[in-house]
Amino acid sequence: MNGLDRIQAQFNHLADTYFKDFDFDLGERELGLVLSLDHDLDVYASSMGLTKTAVEAILIDEGGVSSGIYLLY
């Protein structure tokens, strides 16, 4: 066991000891999950936007898309 594992085990023990039957913990965990999902969706949307922009730029550079034609997305 290295130092980080010992620290994690100590925090788990303290959490089990002092926060057992603590009603607010569930709400905090749910909020954490919602924020994590929101972050994942933001990252997904931004990566899709970047991919769309990159594909459009490549197609315009190659002359595959004229000014009056828009890509379907």
N, C-alpha and C. Protein backbone atom coordinates (compact mmCIF):
# COMPACT_ATOMS: atom_id res chain seq x y z
N MET A 1 0.84 -1.18 0.00
CA MET A 1 0.00 0.00 0.00
C MET A 1 0.88 1.24 0.00
N ASN A 2 0.64 2.12 -0.93
CA ASN A 2 1.44 3.34 -0.94
C ASN A 2 0.73 4.44 -0.13
N GLY A 3 1.34 5.61 -0.09
CA GLY A 3 0.82 6.69 0.74
C GLY A 3 -0.57 7.14 0.34
N LEU A 4 -0.84 7.21 -0.98
CA LEU A 4 -2.16 7.66 -1.43
C LEU A 4 -3.26 6.68 -1.05
N ASP A 5 -2.95 5.39 -1.12
CA ASP A 5 -3.94 4.39 -0.71
C ASP A 5 -4.27 4.51 0.78
N ARG A 6 -3.24 4.77 1.58
CA ARG A 6 -3.47 4.93 3.03
C ARG A 6 -4.32 6.16 3.32
N ILE A 7 -4.02 7.26 2.62
CA ILE A 7 -4.80 8.48 2.83
C ILE A 7 -6.25 8.26 2.41
N GLN A 8 -6.45 7.58 1.27
CA GLN A 8 -7.82 7.30 0.81
C GLN A 8 -8.55 6.40 1.80
N ALA A 9 -7.86 5.39 2.32
CA ALA A 9 -8.48 4.50 3.31
C ALA A 9 -8.85 5.28 4.59
N GLN A 10 -7.98 6.20 4.99
CA GLN A 10 -8.27 7.00 6.18
C GLN A 10 -9.48 7.91 5.95
N PHE A 11 -9.56 8.54 4.77
CA PHE A 11 -10.73 9.37 4.47
C PHE A 11 -12.00 8.54 4.41
N ASN A 12 -11.92 7.35 3.82
CA ASN A 12 -13.10 6.48 3.78
C ASN A 12 -13.54 6.11 5.20
N HIS A 13 -12.58 5.79 6.05
CA HIS A 13 -12.91 5.45 7.44
C HIS A 13 -13.56 6.64 8.15
N LEU A 14 -12.99 7.82 7.98
CA LEU A 14 -13.57 9.01 8.63
C LEU A 14 -14.97 9.29 8.09
N ALA A 15 -15.16 9.15 6.79
CA ALA A 15 -16.48 9.39 6.21
C ALA A 15 -17.50 8.38 6.74
N ASP A 16 -17.09 7.10 6.83
CA ASP A 16 -18.00 6.09 7.36
C ASP A 16 -18.33 6.34 8.83
N THR A 17 -17.34 6.82 9.57
CA THR A 17 -17.53 7.04 11.01
C THR A 17 -18.41 8.26 11.29
N TYR A 18 -18.12 9.38 10.65
CA TYR A 18 -18.78 10.63 11.00
C TYR A 18 -20.01 10.96 10.15
N PHE A 19 -20.10 10.39 8.96
CA PHE A 19 -21.21 10.74 8.08
C PHE A 19 -22.19 9.60 7.88
N LYS A 20 -22.14 8.59 8.74
CA LYS A 20 -23.10 7.49 8.64
C LYS A 20 -24.49 8.03 8.95
N ASP A 21 -25.47 7.65 8.15
CA ASP A 21 -26.85 8.11 8.28
C ASP A 21 -26.96 9.62 8.14
N PHE A 22 -26.12 10.20 7.35
CA PHE A 22 -26.14 11.64 7.10
C PHE A 22 -27.02 11.88 5.88
N ASP A 23 -28.17 12.51 6.06
CA ASP A 23 -29.17 12.63 5.01
C ASP A 23 -28.73 13.54 3.85
N PHE A 24 -27.88 14.49 4.11
CA PHE A 24 -27.52 15.45 3.07
C PHE A 24 -26.49 14.90 2.09
N ASP A 25 -25.86 13.80 2.42
CA ASP A 25 -24.84 13.22 1.55
C ASP A 25 -25.43 12.79 0.22
N LEU A 26 -26.63 12.24 0.24
CA LEU A 26 -27.27 11.79 -0.99
C LEU A 26 -27.52 12.95 -1.94
N GLY A 27 -27.99 14.06 -1.42
CA GLY A 27 -28.21 15.23 -2.26
C GLY A 27 -26.92 15.76 -2.87
N GLU A 28 -25.86 15.76 -2.10
CA GLU A 28 -24.57 16.22 -2.60
C GLU A 28 -24.05 15.30 -3.70
N ARG A 29 -24.24 14.00 -3.51
CA ARG A 29 -23.80 13.05 -4.55
C ARG A 29 -24.63 13.20 -5.82
N GLU A 30 -25.94 13.40 -5.66
CA GLU A 30 -26.78 13.61 -6.84
C GLU A 30 -26.39 14.89 -7.57
N LEU A 31 -26.10 15.95 -6.83
CA LEU A 31 -25.66 17.19 -7.44
C LEU A 31 -24.34 16.98 -8.18
N GLY A 32 -23.44 16.22 -7.60
CA GLY A 32 -22.17 15.91 -8.25
C GLY A 32 -22.38 15.14 -9.55
N LEU A 33 -23.30 14.19 -9.53
CA LEU A 33 -23.58 13.42 -10.75
C LEU A 33 -24.19 14.30 -11.83
N VAL A 34 -25.09 15.19 -11.45
CA VAL A 34 -25.72 16.09 -12.42
C VAL A 34 -24.69 17.04 -13.02
N LEU A 35 -23.81 17.58 -12.19
CA LEU A 35 -22.77 18.46 -12.70
C LEU A 35 -21.81 17.71 -13.61
N SER A 36 -21.51 16.47 -13.28
CA SER A 36 -20.64 15.66 -14.13
C SER A 36 -21.30 15.39 -15.48
N LEU A 37 -22.59 15.07 -15.47
CA LEU A 37 -23.31 14.85 -16.72
C LEU A 37 -23.35 16.12 -17.56
N ASP A 38 -23.60 17.26 -16.91
CA ASP A 38 -23.62 18.54 -17.62
C ASP A 38 -22.26 18.82 -18.27
N HIS A 39 -21.19 18.55 -17.55
CA HIS A 39 -19.85 18.75 -18.09
C HIS A 39 -19.61 17.83 -19.28
N ASP A 40 -20.02 16.56 -19.16
CA ASP A 40 -19.84 15.62 -20.27
C ASP A 40 -20.61 16.07 -21.51
N LEU A 41 -21.82 16.56 -21.32
CA LEU A 41 -22.61 17.03 -22.46
C LEU A 41 -21.98 18.27 -23.09
N ASP A 42 -21.44 19.17 -22.27
CA ASP A 42 -20.75 20.35 -22.81
C ASP A 42 -19.54 19.96 -23.63
N VAL A 43 -18.76 19.00 -23.12
CA VAL A 43 -17.57 18.55 -23.85
C VAL A 43 -17.98 17.89 -25.16
N TYR A 44 -19.04 17.07 -25.14
CA TYR A 44 -19.51 16.41 -26.34
C TYR A 44 -19.98 17.44 -27.37
N ALA A 45 -20.77 18.42 -26.94
CA ALA A 45 -21.28 19.43 -27.87
C ALA A 45 -20.14 20.26 -28.46
N SER A 46 -19.17 20.62 -27.65
CA SER A 46 -18.06 21.42 -28.17
C SER A 46 -17.20 20.61 -29.13
N SER A 47 -17.00 19.33 -28.86
CA SER A 47 -16.20 18.52 -29.78
C SER A 47 -16.94 18.29 -31.09
N MET A 48 -18.27 18.16 -31.04
CA MET A 48 -19.03 18.02 -32.28
C MET A 48 -19.00 19.31 -33.08
N GLY A 49 -19.07 20.46 -32.41
CA GLY A 49 -18.98 21.74 -33.10
C GLY A 49 -17.61 21.93 -33.75
N LEU A 50 -16.55 21.54 -33.04
CA LEU A 50 -15.21 21.64 -33.61
C LEU A 50 -15.06 20.71 -34.80
N THR A 51 -15.59 19.51 -34.72
CA THR A 51 -15.52 18.56 -35.83
C THR A 51 -16.27 19.10 -37.04
N LYS A 52 -17.45 19.65 -36.83
CA LYS A 52 -18.24 20.23 -37.92
C LYS A 52 -17.48 21.36 -38.60
N THR A 53 -16.90 22.24 -37.80
CA THR A 53 -16.15 23.37 -38.34
C THR A 53 -14.94 22.89 -39.13
N ALA A 54 -14.23 21.88 -38.62
CA ALA A 54 -13.05 21.36 -39.30
C ALA A 54 -13.43 20.71 -40.62
N VAL A 55 -14.51 19.93 -40.64
CA VAL A 55 -14.95 19.28 -41.89
C VAL A 55 -15.38 20.33 -42.90
N GLU A 56 -16.11 21.34 -42.47
CA GLU A 56 -16.52 22.40 -43.39
C GLU A 56 -15.31 23.12 -43.97
N ALA A 57 -14.32 23.40 -43.14
CA ALA A 57 -13.12 24.09 -43.61
C ALA A 57 -12.36 23.24 -44.62
N ILE A 58 -12.27 21.95 -44.39
CA ILE A 58 -11.58 21.06 -45.32
C ILE A 58 -12.32 21.00 -46.65
N LEU A 59 -13.64 20.88 -46.59
CA LEU A 59 -14.42 20.79 -47.82
C LEU A 59 -14.37 22.10 -48.61
N ILE A 60 -14.39 23.22 -47.91
CA ILE A 60 -14.31 24.51 -48.61
C ILE A 60 -12.94 24.69 -49.23
N ASP A 61 -11.87 24.28 -48.53
CA ASP A 61 -10.51 24.38 -49.06
C ASP A 61 -10.34 23.52 -50.30
N GLU A 62 -11.00 22.38 -50.34
CA GLU A 62 -10.89 21.49 -51.49
C GLU A 62 -11.87 21.86 -52.60
N GLY A 63 -12.69 22.86 -52.38
CA GLY A 63 -13.64 23.28 -53.40
C GLY A 63 -14.88 22.39 -53.47
N GLY A 64 -15.12 21.59 -52.47
CA GLY A 64 -16.25 20.68 -52.48
C GLY A 64 -17.56 21.32 -52.09
N VAL A 65 -17.52 22.49 -51.49
CA VAL A 65 -18.74 23.16 -51.07
C VAL A 65 -18.70 24.57 -51.65
N SER A 66 -19.73 24.89 -52.42
CA SER A 66 -19.80 26.24 -52.95
C SER A 66 -20.47 27.15 -51.93
N SER A 67 -20.50 28.43 -52.21
CA SER A 67 -21.01 29.37 -51.21
C SER A 67 -22.50 29.22 -50.97
N GLY A 68 -23.27 28.68 -51.90
CA GLY A 68 -24.71 28.56 -51.73
C GLY A 68 -25.16 27.24 -51.17
N ILE A 69 -24.28 26.29 -50.96
CA ILE A 69 -24.63 24.96 -50.48
C ILE A 69 -24.15 24.82 -49.04
N TYR A 70 -25.04 24.33 -48.17
CA TYR A 70 -24.69 24.15 -46.77
C TYR A 70 -24.62 22.66 -46.47
N LEU A 71 -23.75 22.32 -45.57
CA LEU A 71 -23.64 20.94 -45.16
C LEU A 71 -24.86 20.54 -44.31
N LEU A 72 -25.28 19.32 -44.43
CA LEU A 72 -26.36 18.81 -43.58
C LEU A 72 -25.76 18.30 -42.30
N TYR A 73 -26.32 18.70 -41.19
CA TYR A 73 -25.84 18.21 -39.90
C TYR A 73 -26.94 18.10 -38.93
